[in-house]
Each structure stands twice: as structure tokens, then as C-alpha cells.
C-alpha atoms as a PDB file:
ATOM      1  CA  MET A   1      16.469 -11.542  25.224  1.00  0.00           C
ATOM      2  CA  ALA A   2      13.436  -9.937  23.625  1.00  0.00           C
ATOM      3  CA  LEU A   3      12.075 -10.683  20.189  1.00  0.00           C
ATOM      4  CA  ARG A   4      10.958  -8.281  17.493  1.00  0.00           C
ATOM      5  CA  ARG A   5       9.487  -8.708  14.052  1.00  0.00           C
ATOM      6  CA  CYS A   6      11.515  -7.975  10.968  1.00  0.00           C
ATOM      7  CA  PRO A   7       9.699  -5.279   8.965  1.00  0.00           C
ATOM      8  CA  GLU A   8      10.715  -6.932   5.708  1.00  0.00           C
ATOM      9  CA  CYS A   9       9.901 -10.648   6.183  1.00  0.00           C
ATOM     10  CA  HIS A  10       7.775 -10.338   9.387  1.00  0.00           C
ATOM     11  CA  LYS A  11       9.550 -13.213  11.150  1.00  0.00           C
ATOM     12  CA  LYS A  12      10.532 -13.005  14.803  1.00  0.00           C
ATOM     13  CA  ILE A  13      14.195 -12.368  15.530  1.00  0.00           C
ATOM     14  CA  SER A  14      16.286 -11.338  18.496  1.00  0.00           C
ATOM     15  CA  ASP A  15      16.414  -7.621  19.206  1.00  0.00           C
ATOM     16  CA  SER A  16      20.196  -7.821  19.643  1.00  0.00           C
ATOM     17  CA  VAL A  17      21.033  -8.704  16.023  1.00  0.00           C
ATOM     18  CA  GLU A  18      21.981  -6.133  13.380  1.00  0.00           C
ATOM     19  CA  HIS A  19      20.686  -8.183  10.419  1.00  0.00           C
ATOM     20  CA  CYS A  20      17.674 -10.430  10.026  1.00  0.00           C
ATOM     21  CA  ILE A  21      18.838 -14.025   9.797  1.00  0.00           C
ATOM     22  CA  HIS A  22      15.983 -14.847   7.403  1.00  0.00           C
ATOM     23  CA  CYS A  23      16.103 -12.047   4.808  1.00  0.00           C
ATOM     24  CA  GLY A  24      19.206 -10.001   5.654  1.00  0.00           C
ATOM     25  CA  PHE A  25      17.356  -6.784   6.536  1.00  0.00           C
ATOM     26  CA  SER A  26      19.727  -4.385   8.308  1.00  0.00           C
ATOM     27  CA  PHE A  27      18.722  -2.725  11.586  1.00  0.00           C
ATOM     28  CA  LYS A  28      21.497  -0.116  11.505  1.00  0.00           C
ATOM     29  CA  GLU A  29      20.245   3.463  11.985  1.00  0.00           C
ATOM     30  CA  ALA A  30      21.248   4.622   8.488  1.00  0.00           C
ATOM     31  CA  ASP A  31      19.573   1.628   6.865  1.00  0.00           C
ATOM     32  CA  LEU A  32      16.421   2.099   8.963  1.00  0.00           C
ATOM     33  CA  GLU A  33      16.214   5.733   7.850  1.00  0.00           C
ATOM     34  CA  ILE A  34      16.499   4.683   4.184  1.00  0.00           C
ATOM     35  CA  TYR A  35      13.814   2.043   4.779  1.00  0.00           C
ATOM     36  CA  LYS A  36      11.493   4.650   6.338  1.00  0.00           C
ATOM     37  CA  GLN A  37      11.997   6.953   3.350  1.00  0.00           C
ATOM     38  CA  LYS A  38      11.159   4.130   0.949  1.00  0.00           C
ATOM     39  CA  LEU A  39       8.040   3.292   2.949  1.00  0.00           C
ATOM     40  CA  GLU A  40       6.913   6.913   2.812  1.00  0.00           C
ATOM     41  CA  GLN A  41       7.533   7.012  -0.949  1.00  0.00           C
ATOM     42  CA  ARG A  42       5.501   3.814  -1.434  1.00  0.00           C
ATOM     43  CA  ARG A  43       2.702   5.230   0.721  1.00  0.00           C
ATOM     44  CA  LEU A  44       2.533   8.370  -1.412  1.00  0.00           C
ATOM     45  CA  GLU A  45       2.554   6.338  -4.636  1.00  0.00           C
ATOM     46  CA  ASN A  46      -0.242   4.097  -3.320  1.00  0.00           C
ATOM     47  CA  GLN A  47      -2.218   7.155  -2.261  1.00  0.00           C
ATOM     48  CA  GLU A  48      -2.006   8.533  -5.819  1.00  0.00           C
ATOM     49  CA  ILE A  49      -3.037   5.171  -7.293  1.00  0.00           C
ATOM     50  CA  ASN A  50      -6.028   5.084  -4.946  1.00  0.00           C
ATOM     51  CA  ARG A  51      -7.069   8.592  -6.017  1.00  0.00           C
ATOM     52  CA  GLN A  52      -6.923   7.574  -9.674  1.00  0.00           C
ATOM     53  CA  SER A  53      -8.860   4.403  -8.931  1.00  0.00           C
ATOM     54  CA  VAL A  54     -11.620   6.358  -7.189  1.00  0.00           C
ATOM     55  CA  LYS A  55     -11.890   8.698 -10.177  1.00  0.00           C
ATOM     56  CA  ILE A  56     -12.202   5.768 -12.574  1.00  0.00           C
ATOM     57  CA  HIS A  57     -14.846   4.117 -10.381  1.00  0.00           C
ATOM     58  CA  LEU A  58     -16.849   7.338 -10.234  1.00  0.00           C
ATOM     59  CA  ILE A  59     -16.686   7.693 -14.021  1.00  0.00           C
ATOM     60  CA  TRP A  60     -17.942   4.120 -14.477  1.00  0.00           C
ATOM     61  CA  LEU A  61     -20.684   4.728 -11.936  1.00  0.00           C
ATOM     62  CA  ALA A  62     -21.801   7.839 -13.846  1.00  0.00           C
ATOM     63  CA  ILE A  63     -21.818   5.885 -17.125  1.00  0.00           C
ATOM     64  CA  PHE A  64     -23.819   3.071 -15.516  1.00  0.00           C
ATOM     65  CA  ILE A  65     -26.369   5.516 -14.115  1.00  0.00           C
ATOM     66  CA  ALA A  66     -26.643   7.269 -17.490  1.00  0.00           C
ATOM     67  CA  VAL A  67     -27.297   3.933 -19.230  1.00  0.00           C
ATOM     68  CA  ILE A  68     -29.955   2.959 -16.667  1.00  0.00           C
ATOM     69  CA  VAL A  69     -31.664   6.359 -16.933  1.00  0.00           C
ATOM     70  CA  THR A  70     -31.551   6.230 -20.759  1.00  0.00           C
ATOM     71  CA  ALA A  71     -32.986   2.708 -20.801  1.00  0.00           C
ATOM     72  CA  THR A  72     -35.752   3.738 -18.405  1.00  0.00           C
ATOM     73  CA  VAL A  73     -36.671   6.803 -20.495  1.00  0.00           C
ATOM     74  CA  LEU A  74     -36.670   4.830 -23.756  1.00  0.00           C
ATOM     75  CA  GLN A  75     -38.781   2.063 -22.237  1.00  0.00           C
ATOM     76  CA  ASN A  76     -41.568   4.466 -21.242  1.00  0.00           C
END
């Protein structure tokens, strides 16, 4: 009897069971396909959030640099 990790709760369970005894995750083919689709959707959403976050960080960096340059010019 081999063990595998449940992708939902990450606890070890037997590879012969159809449902995780800890969280109820189903290992049936149809349910696994739905789970994979949800994971892909989450990955795409997170990728978009990361892109937006990078843009915001770059804008703040540009503002910070502009303030430093302005302060340096005004000080001289």
C-alpha cells in the first residue's frame, strides 16, 4: 500500500481510496479534471495580479526617484 499526498489538505493518505479521509477531496477522474481546471484558473488570476503589482511597484519607484531627483536639484 503506497501513500500519496492529498492536493487539497496535503496530508498523506492511501493511494487506494477515492476520497481523502481528512478533507473529503475526491480522486475520481472527473473531479480531478475539474480540480485541474480550477488550479489553472487560479494560476491565471494570480499571474494577472502579479502583473498589476509589478506595474504599481514601478510607478512608486518612478515617483520615489522623481522626489529624490527634485530634492537634490532644489538643494543645490
